[in-house]
Amino acid sequence: MRKIESPERETQMGKWLRPEEDATYQDAATTPAERIVVMLLRYTGLRVGEATALRCSDIDLNEQTLMVRKTKGKTAGRRTIPLVWKLTTRIGDRVAAEALEAMA
């Protein structure tokens, strides 16, 4: 029996959208909360139900990680996902803005 050669893979992951498509996708969000959800989907690979089921307690800004515990309506596979700096900064800015609003 002959060995079957595997096809070559692209070495770069996460580049499925062209830059203009990516910009359109991210610009579709109109509120700060929507922008964070869109970024979560884009940069972490979360499913929509997982992203919308996240709670503040699931996000660790110091460790730059988030914990997936459930999805909308059911339990998800528990896992820890690293956050890119861009996303950590956006979430941190949103948390700070909400804290200032609460103090006003």
N, C-alpha and C. Protein backbone atom coordinates (compact mmCIF):
# COMPACT_ATOMS: atom_id res chain seq x y z
N MET A 1 0.85 -1.17 0.00
CA MET A 1 0.00 0.00 0.00
C MET A 1 0.89 1.24 0.00
N ARG A 2 0.57 2.20 -0.84
CA ARG A 2 1.36 3.42 -0.94
C ARG A 2 0.91 4.46 0.09
N LYS A 3 1.85 5.26 0.52
CA LYS A 3 1.56 6.34 1.46
C LYS A 3 0.93 7.51 0.71
N ILE A 4 -0.13 8.05 1.25
CA ILE A 4 -0.79 9.20 0.64
C ILE A 4 -0.21 10.46 1.26
N GLU A 5 0.26 11.37 0.41
CA GLU A 5 0.84 12.63 0.88
C GLU A 5 -0.27 13.61 1.26
N SER A 6 -0.09 14.27 2.39
CA SER A 6 -1.04 15.31 2.82
C SER A 6 -0.85 16.56 1.98
N PRO A 7 -1.94 17.26 1.67
CA PRO A 7 -1.78 18.53 0.94
C PRO A 7 -1.11 19.56 1.83
N GLU A 8 -0.42 20.51 1.22
CA GLU A 8 0.24 21.55 1.99
C GLU A 8 -0.80 22.51 2.53
N ARG A 9 -0.54 23.01 3.74
CA ARG A 9 -1.43 23.97 4.38
C ARG A 9 -0.79 25.35 4.34
N GLU A 10 -1.67 26.34 4.39
CA GLU A 10 -1.16 27.70 4.56
C GLU A 10 -0.69 27.83 6.00
N THR A 11 0.39 28.53 6.21
CA THR A 11 0.93 28.66 7.57
C THR A 11 0.25 29.78 8.35
N GLN A 12 -0.40 30.72 7.67
CA GLN A 12 -1.06 31.82 8.37
C GLN A 12 -2.51 31.47 8.63
N MET A 13 -2.91 31.55 9.89
CA MET A 13 -4.30 31.29 10.27
C MET A 13 -4.99 32.62 10.53
N GLY A 14 -6.31 32.63 10.43
CA GLY A 14 -7.07 33.80 10.80
C GLY A 14 -7.12 34.90 9.76
N LYS A 15 -6.80 34.61 8.53
CA LYS A 15 -6.81 35.63 7.48
C LYS A 15 -7.84 35.27 6.42
N TRP A 16 -9.04 34.89 6.87
CA TRP A 16 -10.06 34.46 5.92
C TRP A 16 -10.76 35.63 5.25
N LEU A 17 -10.77 36.79 5.89
CA LEU A 17 -11.41 37.96 5.33
C LEU A 17 -10.36 38.87 4.70
N ARG A 18 -10.73 39.47 3.59
CA ARG A 18 -9.87 40.50 3.02
C ARG A 18 -9.98 41.73 3.91
N PRO A 19 -8.97 42.61 3.89
CA PRO A 19 -8.99 43.78 4.79
C PRO A 19 -10.27 44.61 4.69
N GLU A 20 -10.77 44.82 3.49
CA GLU A 20 -11.99 45.63 3.34
C GLU A 20 -13.22 44.91 3.90
N GLU A 21 -13.25 43.58 3.79
CA GLU A 21 -14.35 42.81 4.37
C GLU A 21 -14.28 42.87 5.90
N ASP A 22 -13.08 42.77 6.43
CA ASP A 22 -12.89 42.83 7.88
C ASP A 22 -13.33 44.19 8.42
N ALA A 23 -12.96 45.26 7.72
CA ALA A 23 -13.34 46.61 8.15
C ALA A 23 -14.86 46.77 8.12
N THR A 24 -15.51 46.27 7.08
CA THR A 24 -16.97 46.35 6.97
C THR A 24 -17.63 45.59 8.10
N TYR A 25 -17.13 44.42 8.38
CA TYR A 25 -17.64 43.58 9.46
C TYR A 25 -17.53 44.29 10.80
N GLN A 26 -16.39 44.89 11.08
CA GLN A 26 -16.19 45.56 12.37
C GLN A 26 -16.95 46.88 12.44
N ASP A 27 -17.13 47.57 11.31
CA ASP A 27 -17.86 48.84 11.30
C ASP A 27 -19.37 48.65 11.43
N ALA A 28 -19.85 47.42 11.25
CA ALA A 28 -21.29 47.16 11.35
C ALA A 28 -21.78 47.33 12.78
N ALA A 29 -20.91 47.20 13.74
CA ALA A 29 -21.28 47.38 15.15
C ALA A 29 -21.46 48.86 15.43
N THR A 30 -22.56 49.22 16.07
CA THR A 30 -22.85 50.64 16.29
C THR A 30 -22.70 51.09 17.74
N THR A 31 -22.70 50.16 18.69
CA THR A 31 -22.54 50.54 20.09
C THR A 31 -21.24 49.95 20.62
N PRO A 32 -20.72 50.48 21.72
CA PRO A 32 -19.49 49.91 22.29
C PRO A 32 -19.63 48.42 22.63
N ALA A 33 -20.77 48.04 23.17
CA ALA A 33 -20.98 46.63 23.51
C ALA A 33 -20.97 45.75 22.25
N GLU A 34 -21.61 46.22 21.19
CA GLU A 34 -21.61 45.46 19.93
C GLU A 34 -20.20 45.34 19.37
N ARG A 35 -19.42 46.42 19.48
CA ARG A 35 -18.04 46.37 18.98
C ARG A 35 -17.22 45.31 19.71
N ILE A 36 -17.44 45.20 21.02
CA ILE A 36 -16.71 44.19 21.79
C ILE A 36 -17.13 42.79 21.36
N VAL A 37 -18.43 42.58 21.16
CA VAL A 37 -18.91 41.26 20.70
C VAL A 37 -18.32 40.92 19.34
N VAL A 38 -18.32 41.88 18.42
CA VAL A 38 -17.75 41.64 17.09
C VAL A 38 -16.26 41.31 17.20
N MET A 39 -15.55 42.03 18.06
CA MET A 39 -14.12 41.75 18.24
C MET A 39 -13.91 40.38 18.88
N LEU A 40 -14.77 40.00 19.83
CA LEU A 40 -14.67 38.67 20.42
C LEU A 40 -14.83 37.60 19.35
N LEU A 41 -15.82 37.77 18.49
CA LEU A 41 -16.04 36.80 17.42
C LEU A 41 -14.84 36.76 16.48
N ARG A 42 -14.33 37.92 16.14
CA ARG A 42 -13.23 38.03 15.17
C ARG A 42 -11.92 37.49 15.71
N TYR A 43 -11.57 37.85 16.94
CA TYR A 43 -10.24 37.55 17.44
C TYR A 43 -10.13 36.30 18.32
N THR A 44 -11.27 35.73 18.75
CA THR A 44 -11.19 34.56 19.61
C THR A 44 -11.79 33.31 19.01
N GLY A 45 -12.64 33.47 18.00
CA GLY A 45 -13.29 32.31 17.41
C GLY A 45 -14.48 31.81 18.22
N LEU A 46 -14.93 32.63 19.18
CA LEU A 46 -16.11 32.24 19.96
C LEU A 46 -17.33 32.14 19.05
N ARG A 47 -18.24 31.28 19.42
CA ARG A 47 -19.53 31.21 18.74
C ARG A 47 -20.38 32.36 19.27
N VAL A 48 -21.39 32.78 18.51
CA VAL A 48 -22.24 33.90 18.91
C VAL A 48 -22.86 33.65 20.28
N GLY A 49 -23.40 32.46 20.49
CA GLY A 49 -24.02 32.14 21.78
C GLY A 49 -23.04 32.19 22.93
N GLU A 50 -21.79 31.81 22.69
CA GLU A 50 -20.76 31.87 23.73
C GLU A 50 -20.41 33.32 24.06
N ALA A 51 -20.27 34.14 23.01
CA ALA A 51 -19.90 35.54 23.22
C ALA A 51 -21.00 36.30 23.96
N THR A 52 -22.25 36.04 23.61
CA THR A 52 -23.34 36.76 24.27
C THR A 52 -23.64 36.23 25.67
N ALA A 53 -23.17 35.04 25.99
CA ALA A 53 -23.38 34.48 27.33
C ALA A 53 -22.27 34.86 28.31
N LEU A 54 -21.21 35.53 27.84
CA LEU A 54 -20.11 35.91 28.72
C LEU A 54 -20.56 36.90 29.78
N ARG A 55 -19.97 36.81 30.94
CA ARG A 55 -20.19 37.74 32.05
C ARG A 55 -18.84 38.37 32.37
N CYS A 56 -18.88 39.53 33.02
CA CYS A 56 -17.63 40.21 33.39
C CYS A 56 -16.71 39.29 34.18
N SER A 57 -17.29 38.44 35.00
CA SER A 57 -16.47 37.54 35.83
C SER A 57 -15.75 36.48 34.99
N ASP A 58 -16.13 36.31 33.74
CA ASP A 58 -15.47 35.35 32.86
C ASP A 58 -14.19 35.92 32.23
N ILE A 59 -13.98 37.22 32.39
CA ILE A 59 -12.86 37.89 31.73
C ILE A 59 -11.82 38.30 32.77
N ASP A 60 -10.57 37.93 32.53
CA ASP A 60 -9.47 38.31 33.41
C ASP A 60 -8.54 39.22 32.60
N LEU A 61 -8.67 40.53 32.81
CA LEU A 61 -7.87 41.49 32.05
C LEU A 61 -6.39 41.41 32.41
N ASN A 62 -6.08 41.10 33.67
CA ASN A 62 -4.67 41.00 34.07
C ASN A 62 -3.97 39.84 33.37
N GLU A 63 -4.65 38.71 33.28
CA GLU A 63 -4.08 37.53 32.62
C GLU A 63 -4.33 37.52 31.11
N GLN A 64 -5.15 38.46 30.65
CA GLN A 64 -5.55 38.57 29.24
C GLN A 64 -6.15 37.26 28.74
N THR A 65 -7.14 36.77 29.50
CA THR A 65 -7.83 35.54 29.13
C THR A 65 -9.33 35.69 29.40
N LEU A 66 -10.09 34.81 28.79
CA LEU A 66 -11.50 34.71 29.13
C LEU A 66 -11.84 33.24 29.28
N MET A 67 -12.83 32.97 30.12
CA MET A 67 -13.25 31.60 30.38
C MET A 67 -14.62 31.40 29.75
N VAL A 68 -14.71 30.43 28.85
CA VAL A 68 -16.00 30.06 28.28
C VAL A 68 -16.60 29.02 29.21
N ARG A 69 -17.77 29.35 29.74
CA ARG A 69 -18.44 28.44 30.68
C ARG A 69 -19.75 27.91 30.12
N LYS A 70 -20.40 28.74 29.32
CA LYS A 70 -21.69 28.32 28.77
C LYS A 70 -21.96 29.06 27.47
N THR A 71 -22.98 28.61 26.79
CA THR A 71 -23.45 29.27 25.59
C THR A 71 -24.90 29.64 25.84
N LYS A 72 -25.47 30.46 25.03
CA LYS A 72 -26.85 30.89 25.23
C LYS A 72 -27.75 29.66 25.32
N GLY A 73 -28.31 29.43 26.47
CA GLY A 73 -29.28 28.36 26.64
C GLY A 73 -28.75 27.01 27.07
N LYS A 74 -27.42 26.80 27.05
CA LYS A 74 -26.91 25.50 27.48
C LYS A 74 -25.44 25.62 27.92
N THR A 75 -24.94 24.57 28.49
CA THR A 75 -23.54 24.53 28.93
C THR A 75 -22.64 24.32 27.72
N ALA A 76 -21.56 25.05 27.68
CA ALA A 76 -20.57 24.91 26.60
C ALA A 76 -19.37 24.14 27.11
N GLY A 77 -18.50 23.78 26.21
CA GLY A 77 -17.25 23.16 26.62
C GLY A 77 -16.42 24.19 27.35
N ARG A 78 -16.06 23.93 28.60
CA ARG A 78 -15.28 24.89 29.38
C ARG A 78 -13.86 24.98 28.82
N ARG A 79 -13.42 26.20 28.60
CA ARG A 79 -12.06 26.39 28.11
C ARG A 79 -11.63 27.83 28.38
N THR A 80 -10.34 28.03 28.44
CA THR A 80 -9.76 29.35 28.62
C THR A 80 -9.18 29.79 27.29
N ILE A 81 -9.47 31.02 26.91
CA ILE A 81 -9.03 31.55 25.62
C ILE A 81 -8.18 32.79 25.87
N PRO A 82 -7.02 32.88 25.22
CA PRO A 82 -6.20 34.09 25.36
C PRO A 82 -6.83 35.25 24.59
N LEU A 83 -6.64 36.45 25.11
CA LEU A 83 -7.15 37.65 24.45
C LEU A 83 -5.99 38.43 23.82
N VAL A 84 -6.20 38.91 22.62
CA VAL A 84 -5.19 39.76 22.00
C VAL A 84 -5.20 41.12 22.69
N TRP A 85 -4.07 41.80 22.67
CA TRP A 85 -3.93 43.08 23.36
C TRP A 85 -5.01 44.07 22.93
N LYS A 86 -5.29 44.13 21.65
CA LYS A 86 -6.29 45.06 21.11
C LYS A 86 -7.65 44.85 21.77
N LEU A 87 -8.03 43.61 21.96
CA LEU A 87 -9.31 43.28 22.57
C LEU A 87 -9.30 43.55 24.07
N THR A 88 -8.21 43.21 24.74
CA THR A 88 -8.09 43.47 26.18
C THR A 88 -8.22 44.97 26.45
N THR A 89 -7.59 45.78 25.63
CA THR A 89 -7.65 47.23 25.78
C THR A 89 -9.08 47.74 25.58
N ARG A 90 -9.74 47.25 24.56
CA ARG A 90 -11.12 47.69 24.29
C ARG A 90 -12.05 47.33 25.45
N ILE A 91 -11.93 46.13 25.97
CA ILE A 91 -12.77 45.70 27.09
C ILE A 91 -12.44 46.53 28.33
N GLY A 92 -11.15 46.74 28.60
CA GLY A 92 -10.74 47.55 29.74
C GLY A 92 -11.28 48.97 29.67
N ASP A 93 -11.25 49.57 28.47
CA ASP A 93 -11.79 50.92 28.27
C ASP A 93 -13.29 50.94 28.56
N ARG A 94 -13.99 49.91 28.12
CA ARG A 94 -15.44 49.83 28.33
C ARG A 94 -15.77 49.67 29.82
N VAL A 95 -15.03 48.85 30.51
CA VAL A 95 -15.24 48.65 31.95
C VAL A 95 -15.00 49.97 32.70
N ALA A 96 -13.93 50.68 32.34
CA ALA A 96 -13.62 51.96 32.98
C ALA A 96 -14.72 52.99 32.70
N ALA A 97 -15.23 53.04 31.48
CA ALA A 97 -16.30 53.98 31.13
C ALA A 97 -17.57 53.69 31.94
N GLU A 98 -17.89 52.41 32.09
CA GLU A 98 -19.07 52.04 32.86
C GLU A 98 -18.90 52.41 34.33
N ALA A 99 -17.70 52.25 34.85
CA ALA A 99 -17.43 52.61 36.25
C ALA A 99 -17.59 54.12 36.45
N LEU A 100 -17.11 54.91 35.51
CA LEU A 100 -17.26 56.37 35.60
C LEU A 100 -18.72 56.78 35.52
N GLU A 101 -19.47 56.14 34.64
CA GLU A 101 -20.91 56.44 34.51
C GLU A 101 -21.63 56.12 35.82
N ALA A 102 -21.26 55.03 36.45
CA ALA A 102 -21.91 54.63 37.71
C ALA A 102 -21.62 55.62 38.84
N MET A 103 -20.44 56.24 38.78
CA MET A 103 -20.06 57.21 39.82
C MET A 103 -20.73 58.55 39.63
N ALA A 104 -21.17 58.86 38.43
CA ALA A 104 -21.76 60.18 38.13
C ALA A 104 -23.14 60.35 38.70
